[in-house]
All heavy atoms as atom14 arrays in JSON, in Angstrom:
{
  "sequence": "AKDDTVVGENAKKAVAEMKDGEIVVLENTRFRGAEE",
  "atom14_mask": [
    [1, 1, 1, 1, 1, 0, 0, 0, 0, 0, 0, 0, 0, 0],
    [1, 1, 1, 1, 1, 1, 1, 1, 1, 0, 0, 0, 0, 0],
    [1, 1, 1, 1, 1, 1, 1, 1, 0, 0, 0, 0, 0, 0],
    [1, 1, 1, 1, 1, 1, 1, 1, 0, 0, 0, 0, 0, 0],
    [1, 1, 1, 1, 1, 1, 1, 0, 0, 0, 0, 0, 0, 0],
    [1, 1, 1, 1, 1, 1, 1, 0, 0, 0, 0, 0, 0, 0],
    [1, 1, 1, 1, 1, 1, 1, 0, 0, 0, 0, 0, 0, 0],
    [1, 1, 1, 1, 0, 0, 0, 0, 0, 0, 0, 0, 0, 0],
    [1, 1, 1, 1, 1, 1, 1, 1, 1, 0, 0, 0, 0, 0],
    [1, 1, 1, 1, 1, 1, 1, 1, 0, 0, 0, 0, 0, 0],
    [1, 1, 1, 1, 1, 0, 0, 0, 0, 0, 0, 0, 0, 0],
    [1, 1, 1, 1, 1, 1, 1, 1, 1, 0, 0, 0, 0, 0],
    [1, 1, 1, 1, 1, 1, 1, 1, 1, 0, 0, 0, 0, 0],
    [1, 1, 1, 1, 1, 0, 0, 0, 0, 0, 0, 0, 0, 0],
    [1, 1, 1, 1, 1, 1, 1, 0, 0, 0, 0, 0, 0, 0],
    [1, 1, 1, 1, 1, 0, 0, 0, 0, 0, 0, 0, 0, 0],
    [1, 1, 1, 1, 1, 1, 1, 1, 1, 0, 0, 0, 0, 0],
    [1, 1, 1, 1, 1, 1, 1, 1, 0, 0, 0, 0, 0, 0],
    [1, 1, 1, 1, 1, 1, 1, 1, 1, 0, 0, 0, 0, 0],
    [1, 1, 1, 1, 1, 1, 1, 1, 0, 0, 0, 0, 0, 0],
    [1, 1, 1, 1, 0, 0, 0, 0, 0, 0, 0, 0, 0, 0],
    [1, 1, 1, 1, 1, 1, 1, 1, 1, 0, 0, 0, 0, 0],
    [1, 1, 1, 1, 1, 1, 1, 1, 0, 0, 0, 0, 0, 0],
    [1, 1, 1, 1, 1, 1, 1, 0, 0, 0, 0, 0, 0, 0],
    [1, 1, 1, 1, 1, 1, 1, 0, 0, 0, 0, 0, 0, 0],
    [1, 1, 1, 1, 1, 1, 1, 1, 0, 0, 0, 0, 0, 0],
    [1, 1, 1, 1, 1, 1, 1, 1, 1, 0, 0, 0, 0, 0],
    [1, 1, 1, 1, 1, 1, 1, 1, 0, 0, 0, 0, 0, 0],
    [1, 1, 1, 1, 1, 1, 1, 0, 0, 0, 0, 0, 0, 0],
    [1, 1, 1, 1, 1, 1, 1, 1, 1, 1, 1, 0, 0, 0],
    [1, 1, 1, 1, 1, 1, 1, 1, 1, 1, 1, 0, 0, 0],
    [1, 1, 1, 1, 1, 1, 1, 1, 1, 1, 1, 0, 0, 0],
    [1, 1, 1, 1, 0, 0, 0, 0, 0, 0, 0, 0, 0, 0],
    [1, 1, 1, 1, 1, 0, 0, 0, 0, 0, 0, 0, 0, 0],
    [1, 1, 1, 1, 1, 1, 1, 1, 1, 0, 0, 0, 0, 0],
    [1, 1, 1, 1, 1, 1, 1, 1, 1, 0, 0, 0, 0, 0]
  ],
  "atom14_positions": [
    [[0.85, -1.2, 0.02], [-0.01, 0.02, 0.0], [0.89, 1.21, 0.01], [1.26, 1.79, 1.04], [-0.95, -0.01, 1.21], [0.0, 0.0, 0.0], [0.0, 0.0, 0.0], [0.0, 0.0, 0.0], [0.0, 0.0, 0.0], [0.0, 0.0, 0.0], [0.0, 0.0, 0.0], [0.0, 0.0, 0.0], [0.0, 0.0, 0.0], [0.0, 0.0, 0.0]],
    [[1.26, 1.69, -1.18], [2.12, 2.89, -1.31], [1.29, 4.06, -0.87], [0.3, 4.41, -1.48], [2.56, 3.01, -2.79], [3.39, 4.27, -3.07], [4.74, 4.2, -2.45], [5.51, 5.5, -2.57], [6.49, 5.7, -1.57], [0.0, 0.0, 0.0], [0.0, 0.0, 0.0], [0.0, 0.0, 0.0], [0.0, 0.0, 0.0], [0.0, 0.0, 0.0]],
    [[1.66, 4.63, 0.28], [0.83, 5.67, 0.88], [1.69, 6.47, 1.85], [2.06, 6.0, 2.9], [-0.35, 5.0, 1.61], [-1.46, 6.0, 1.95], [-1.12, 7.07, 2.41], [-2.59, 5.66, 1.72], [0.0, 0.0, 0.0], [0.0, 0.0, 0.0], [0.0, 0.0, 0.0], [0.0, 0.0, 0.0], [0.0, 0.0, 0.0], [0.0, 0.0, 0.0]],
    [[2.03, 7.71, 1.47], [2.93, 8.51, 2.32], [2.4, 8.8, 3.68], [3.15, 9.05, 4.64], [3.31, 9.8, 1.59], [4.28, 9.56, 0.47], [4.82, 8.46, 0.34], [4.54, 10.52, -0.34], [0.0, 0.0, 0.0], [0.0, 0.0, 0.0], [0.0, 0.0, 0.0], [0.0, 0.0, 0.0], [0.0, 0.0, 0.0], [0.0, 0.0, 0.0]],
    [[1.09, 8.71, 3.83], [0.53, 8.93, 5.21], [0.39, 7.58, 5.96], [-0.09, 7.59, 7.03], [-0.88, 9.62, 5.12], [-1.75, 8.69, 4.54], [-0.82, 10.9, 4.34], [0.0, 0.0, 0.0], [0.0, 0.0, 0.0], [0.0, 0.0, 0.0], [0.0, 0.0, 0.0], [0.0, 0.0, 0.0], [0.0, 0.0, 0.0], [0.0, 0.0, 0.0]],
    [[0.81, 6.56, 5.32], [0.81, 5.21, 5.9], [-0.57, 4.59, 5.94], [-0.82, 3.42, 5.53], [1.52, 5.11, 7.31], [1.59, 3.67, 7.77], [2.85, 5.75, 7.29], [0.0, 0.0, 0.0], [0.0, 0.0, 0.0], [0.0, 0.0, 0.0], [0.0, 0.0, 0.0], [0.0, 0.0, 0.0], [0.0, 0.0, 0.0], [0.0, 0.0, 0.0]],
    [[-1.6, 5.39, 6.4], [-2.9, 4.86, 6.61], [-3.97, 5.62, 5.78], [-5.12, 5.64, 6.16], [-3.29, 4.91, 8.1], [-2.49, 3.86, 8.88], [-3.06, 6.28, 8.72], [0.0, 0.0, 0.0], [0.0, 0.0, 0.0], [0.0, 0.0, 0.0], [0.0, 0.0, 0.0], [0.0, 0.0, 0.0], [0.0, 0.0, 0.0], [0.0, 0.0, 0.0]],
    [[-3.54, 6.21, 4.65], [-4.48, 7.05, 3.85], [-5.32, 6.2, 2.93], [-5.52, 4.99, 3.18], [0.0, 0.0, 0.0], [0.0, 0.0, 0.0], [0.0, 0.0, 0.0], [0.0, 0.0, 0.0], [0.0, 0.0, 0.0], [0.0, 0.0, 0.0], [0.0, 0.0, 0.0], [0.0, 0.0, 0.0], [0.0, 0.0, 0.0], [0.0, 0.0, 0.0]],
    [[-5.84, 6.84, 1.83], [-6.8, 6.21, 0.95], [-6.29, 4.9, 0.31], [-6.97, 3.93, 0.23], [-7.25, 7.21, -0.14], [-8.07, 8.38, 0.41], [-9.22, 7.91, 1.34], [-9.97, 6.97, 0.97], [-9.33, 8.5, 2.46], [0.0, 0.0, 0.0], [0.0, 0.0, 0.0], [0.0, 0.0, 0.0], [0.0, 0.0, 0.0], [0.0, 0.0, 0.0]],
    [[-4.99, 4.95, -0.1], [-4.45, 3.72, -0.72], [-4.45, 2.54, 0.21], [-4.81, 1.42, -0.14], [-2.99, 3.96, -1.19], [-2.97, 4.53, -2.6], [-4.0, 4.78, -3.25], [-1.77, 4.78, -3.1], [0.0, 0.0, 0.0], [0.0, 0.0, 0.0], [0.0, 0.0, 0.0], [0.0, 0.0, 0.0], [0.0, 0.0, 0.0], [0.0, 0.0, 0.0]],
    [[-4.02, 2.82, 1.46], [-3.98, 1.75, 2.46], [-5.4, 1.28, 2.79], [-5.64, 0.07, 2.83], [-3.3, 2.3, 3.74], [0.0, 0.0, 0.0], [0.0, 0.0, 0.0], [0.0, 0.0, 0.0], [0.0, 0.0, 0.0], [0.0, 0.0, 0.0], [0.0, 0.0, 0.0], [0.0, 0.0, 0.0], [0.0, 0.0, 0.0], [0.0, 0.0, 0.0]],
    [[-6.33, 2.19, 2.94], [-7.71, 1.81, 3.24], [-8.33, 0.96, 2.16], [-8.97, -0.04, 2.42], [-8.58, 3.03, 3.54], [-8.24, 3.73, 4.86], [-9.0, 5.03, 4.95], [-8.59, 5.81, 6.27], [-9.03, 7.17, 6.27], [0.0, 0.0, 0.0], [0.0, 0.0, 0.0], [0.0, 0.0, 0.0], [0.0, 0.0, 0.0], [0.0, 0.0, 0.0]],
    [[-8.09, 1.35, 0.95], [-8.61, 0.62, -0.22], [-8.0, -0.79, -0.31], [-8.72, -1.79, -0.45], [-8.3, 1.39, -1.5], [-8.85, 0.8, -2.77], [-8.61, 1.78, -3.98], [-9.28, 1.22, -5.25], [-8.52, 0.15, -5.84], [0.0, 0.0, 0.0], [0.0, 0.0, 0.0], [0.0, 0.0, 0.0], [0.0, 0.0, 0.0], [0.0, 0.0, 0.0]],
    [[-6.66, -0.88, -0.09], [-5.98, -2.18, -0.16], [-6.52, -3.12, 0.93], [-6.8, -4.3, 0.65], [-4.45, -1.97, 0.0], [0.0, 0.0, 0.0], [0.0, 0.0, 0.0], [0.0, 0.0, 0.0], [0.0, 0.0, 0.0], [0.0, 0.0, 0.0], [0.0, 0.0, 0.0], [0.0, 0.0, 0.0], [0.0, 0.0, 0.0], [0.0, 0.0, 0.0]],
    [[-6.72, -2.6, 2.12], [-7.26, -3.44, 3.26], [-8.7, -3.81, 2.99], [-9.09, -4.97, 3.24], [-7.06, -2.68, 4.6], [-7.74, -3.47, 5.73], [-5.58, -2.48, 4.92], [0.0, 0.0, 0.0], [0.0, 0.0, 0.0], [0.0, 0.0, 0.0], [0.0, 0.0, 0.0], [0.0, 0.0, 0.0], [0.0, 0.0, 0.0], [0.0, 0.0, 0.0]],
    [[-9.5, -2.9, 2.47], [-10.92, -3.16, 2.22], [-11.09, -4.27, 1.2], [-12.04, -5.04, 1.26], [-11.62, -1.9, 1.78], [0.0, 0.0, 0.0], [0.0, 0.0, 0.0], [0.0, 0.0, 0.0], [0.0, 0.0, 0.0], [0.0, 0.0, 0.0], [0.0, 0.0, 0.0], [0.0, 0.0, 0.0], [0.0, 0.0, 0.0], [0.0, 0.0, 0.0]],
    [[-10.17, -4.36, 0.25], [-10.29, -5.32, -0.87], [-9.62, -6.7, -0.52], [-9.64, -7.59, -1.39], [-9.67, -4.77, -2.12], [-10.55, -3.58, -2.66], [-9.88, -2.87, -3.82], [-8.72, -3.2, -4.24], [-10.42, -1.93, -4.32], [0.0, 0.0, 0.0], [0.0, 0.0, 0.0], [0.0, 0.0, 0.0], [0.0, 0.0, 0.0], [0.0, 0.0, 0.0]],
    [[-9.01, -6.81, 0.64], [-8.31, -8.05, 1.01], [-9.26, -9.24, 1.12], [-10.39, -9.09, 1.6], [-7.68, -7.9, 2.35], [-6.42, -7.06, 2.39], [-5.86, -6.93, 4.12], [-4.76, -8.29, 4.2], [0.0, 0.0, 0.0], [0.0, 0.0, 0.0], [0.0, 0.0, 0.0], [0.0, 0.0, 0.0], [0.0, 0.0, 0.0], [0.0, 0.0, 0.0]],
    [[-8.78, -10.41, 0.78], [-9.49, -11.64, 1.1], [-8.71, -12.34, 2.25], [-7.56, -12.07, 2.51], [-9.46, -12.57, -0.11], [-10.26, -12.05, -1.3], [-10.31, -13.02, -2.44], [-11.23, -12.51, -3.55], [-10.73, -11.29, -4.22], [0.0, 0.0, 0.0], [0.0, 0.0, 0.0], [0.0, 0.0, 0.0], [0.0, 0.0, 0.0], [0.0, 0.0, 0.0]],
    [[-9.44, -13.27, 2.94], [-8.84, -14.01, 4.02], [-7.53, -14.69, 3.53], [-7.46, -15.21, 2.43], [-9.75, -15.11, 4.53], [-11.0, -14.54, 5.2], [-11.07, -13.32, 5.31], [-11.88, -15.3, 5.64], [0.0, 0.0, 0.0], [0.0, 0.0, 0.0], [0.0, 0.0, 0.0], [0.0, 0.0, 0.0], [0.0, 0.0, 0.0], [0.0, 0.0, 0.0]],
    [[-6.5, -14.6, 4.37], [-5.24, -15.24, 4.0], [-4.28, -14.37, 3.18], [-3.21, -14.8, 2.82], [0.0, 0.0, 0.0], [0.0, 0.0, 0.0], [0.0, 0.0, 0.0], [0.0, 0.0, 0.0], [0.0, 0.0, 0.0], [0.0, 0.0, 0.0], [0.0, 0.0, 0.0], [0.0, 0.0, 0.0], [0.0, 0.0, 0.0], [0.0, 0.0, 0.0]],
    [[-4.72, -13.13, 2.84], [-3.86, -12.24, 2.1], [-3.09, -11.27, 3.0], [-3.44, -11.12, 4.17], [-4.68, -11.5, 1.03], [-5.21, -12.45, -0.08], [-5.96, -11.71, -1.15], [-6.33, -10.55, -1.02], [-6.26, -12.4, -2.19], [0.0, 0.0, 0.0], [0.0, 0.0, 0.0], [0.0, 0.0, 0.0], [0.0, 0.0, 0.0], [0.0, 0.0, 0.0]],
    [[-2.15, -10.53, 2.39], [-1.27, -9.66, 3.14], [-1.26, -8.31, 2.49], [-1.08, -8.16, 1.29], [0.16, -10.18, 3.21], [0.21, -11.62, 3.9], [1.08, -9.29, 3.91], [1.52, -12.35, 3.69], [0.0, 0.0, 0.0], [0.0, 0.0, 0.0], [0.0, 0.0, 0.0], [0.0, 0.0, 0.0], [0.0, 0.0, 0.0], [0.0, 0.0, 0.0]],
    [[-1.34, -7.24, 3.29], [-1.07, -5.87, 2.9], [0.1, -5.34, 3.7], [0.12, -5.51, 4.93], [-2.31, -4.94, 3.12], [-1.92, -3.47, 3.01], [-3.39, -5.21, 2.08], [0.0, 0.0, 0.0], [0.0, 0.0, 0.0], [0.0, 0.0, 0.0], [0.0, 0.0, 0.0], [0.0, 0.0, 0.0], [0.0, 0.0, 0.0], [0.0, 0.0, 0.0]],
    [[1.09, -4.82, 3.03], [2.24, -4.18, 3.68], [2.05, -2.68, 3.62], [1.94, -2.08, 2.58], [3.58, -4.59, 3.03], [4.76, -3.92, 3.77], [3.76, -6.12, 3.02], [0.0, 0.0, 0.0], [0.0, 0.0, 0.0], [0.0, 0.0, 0.0], [0.0, 0.0, 0.0], [0.0, 0.0, 0.0], [0.0, 0.0, 0.0], [0.0, 0.0, 0.0]],
    [[2.01, -2.02, 4.78], [1.91, -0.59, 4.85], [3.24, 0.11, 4.61], [4.31, -0.5, 4.78], [1.34, -0.13, 6.22], [0.0, -0.69, 6.62], [-0.4, -0.17, 8.03], [-1.11, -0.34, 5.6], [0.0, 0.0, 0.0], [0.0, 0.0, 0.0], [0.0, 0.0, 0.0], [0.0, 0.0, 0.0], [0.0, 0.0, 0.0], [0.0, 0.0, 0.0]],
    [[3.19, 1.38, 4.29], [4.45, 2.15, 4.1], [5.11, 2.42, 5.47], [4.51, 2.25, 6.53], [4.07, 3.49, 3.36], [5.25, 4.32, 2.87], [6.31, 3.54, 2.09], [7.12, 2.84, 2.71], [6.39, 3.7, 0.84], [0.0, 0.0, 0.0], [0.0, 0.0, 0.0], [0.0, 0.0, 0.0], [0.0, 0.0, 0.0], [0.0, 0.0, 0.0]],
    [[6.35, 2.8, 5.43], [7.19, 3.02, 6.57], [6.5, 3.92, 7.66], [6.14, 5.06, 7.4], [8.46, 3.8, 6.07], [9.54, 3.96, 7.15], [9.3, 3.83, 8.31], [10.73, 4.3, 6.69], [0.0, 0.0, 0.0], [0.0, 0.0, 0.0], [0.0, 0.0, 0.0], [0.0, 0.0, 0.0], [0.0, 0.0, 0.0], [0.0, 0.0, 0.0]],
    [[6.31, 3.36, 8.8], [5.6, 4.11, 9.86], [6.28, 5.39, 10.29], [5.68, 6.33, 10.73], [5.43, 3.21, 11.19], [6.75, 2.75, 11.57], [4.57, 2.03, 10.97], [0.0, 0.0, 0.0], [0.0, 0.0, 0.0], [0.0, 0.0, 0.0], [0.0, 0.0, 0.0], [0.0, 0.0, 0.0], [0.0, 0.0, 0.0], [0.0, 0.0, 0.0]],
    [[7.6, 5.48, 10.03], [8.33, 6.68, 10.4], [8.14, 7.82, 9.37], [8.61, 8.93, 9.62], [9.81, 6.39, 10.58], [10.05, 5.6, 11.82], [11.41, 5.8, 12.4], [11.58, 4.96, 13.59], [12.76, 4.52, 14.04], [13.85, 4.84, 13.44], [12.81, 3.76, 15.13], [0.0, 0.0, 0.0], [0.0, 0.0, 0.0], [0.0, 0.0, 0.0]],
    [[7.34, 7.53, 8.34], [6.95, 8.64, 7.43], [5.99, 9.59, 8.19], [5.79, 10.69, 7.76], [6.29, 8.09, 6.17], [7.24, 7.57, 5.12], [8.58, 7.46, 5.4], [6.79, 7.17, 3.87], [9.49, 7.0, 4.4], [7.62, 6.64, 2.9], [9.02, 6.61, 3.15], [0.0, 0.0, 0.0], [0.0, 0.0, 0.0], [0.0, 0.0, 0.0]],
    [[5.49, 9.11, 9.31], [4.64, 9.97, 10.17], [5.47, 10.69, 11.21], [4.89, 11.37, 12.1], [3.53, 9.17, 10.79], [2.52, 8.66, 9.76], [1.65, 9.77, 9.18], [0.7, 10.31, 10.1], [-0.57, 9.97, 10.24], [-1.1, 9.04, 9.37], [-1.37, 10.5, 11.11], [0.0, 0.0, 0.0], [0.0, 0.0, 0.0], [0.0, 0.0, 0.0]],
    [[6.8, 10.6, 11.15], [7.73, 11.36, 12.05], [7.39, 11.23, 13.51], [7.25, 10.08, 14.0], [0.0, 0.0, 0.0], [0.0, 0.0, 0.0], [0.0, 0.0, 0.0], [0.0, 0.0, 0.0], [0.0, 0.0, 0.0], [0.0, 0.0, 0.0], [0.0, 0.0, 0.0], [0.0, 0.0, 0.0], [0.0, 0.0, 0.0], [0.0, 0.0, 0.0]],
    [[7.27, 12.34, 14.19], [7.06, 12.34, 15.64], [5.78, 11.71, 16.05], [5.63, 11.2, 17.21], [7.13, 13.77, 16.18], [0.0, 0.0, 0.0], [0.0, 0.0, 0.0], [0.0, 0.0, 0.0], [0.0, 0.0, 0.0], [0.0, 0.0, 0.0], [0.0, 0.0, 0.0], [0.0, 0.0, 0.0], [0.0, 0.0, 0.0], [0.0, 0.0, 0.0]],
    [[4.76, 11.68, 15.16], [3.48, 10.99, 15.51], [3.77, 9.51, 15.84], [3.14, 8.95, 16.69], [2.51, 11.09, 14.37], [1.97, 12.51, 14.1], [1.0, 12.5, 12.94], [1.53, 12.58, 11.75], [-0.18, 12.38, 13.15], [0.0, 0.0, 0.0], [0.0, 0.0, 0.0], [0.0, 0.0, 0.0], [0.0, 0.0, 0.0], [0.0, 0.0, 0.0]],
    [[4.77, 8.91, 15.12], [5.14, 7.57, 15.38], [6.06, 7.47, 16.57], [5.8, 6.82, 17.54], [5.84, 6.95, 14.11], [6.7, 5.74, 14.36], [5.99, 4.42, 14.67], [4.87, 4.43, 15.25], [6.59, 3.38, 14.37], [0.0, 0.0, 0.0], [0.0, 0.0, 0.0], [0.0, 0.0, 0.0], [0.0, 0.0, 0.0], [0.0, 0.0, 0.0]]
  ]
}
């Protein structure tokens, strides 16, 4: 899920479309800086 906010629209869409047994990899959590 290429998504600079880590949990933005791309990530939400990828997770929503997942089937059981599949994997979504989120972008680097440190892209959120001090929030992480």
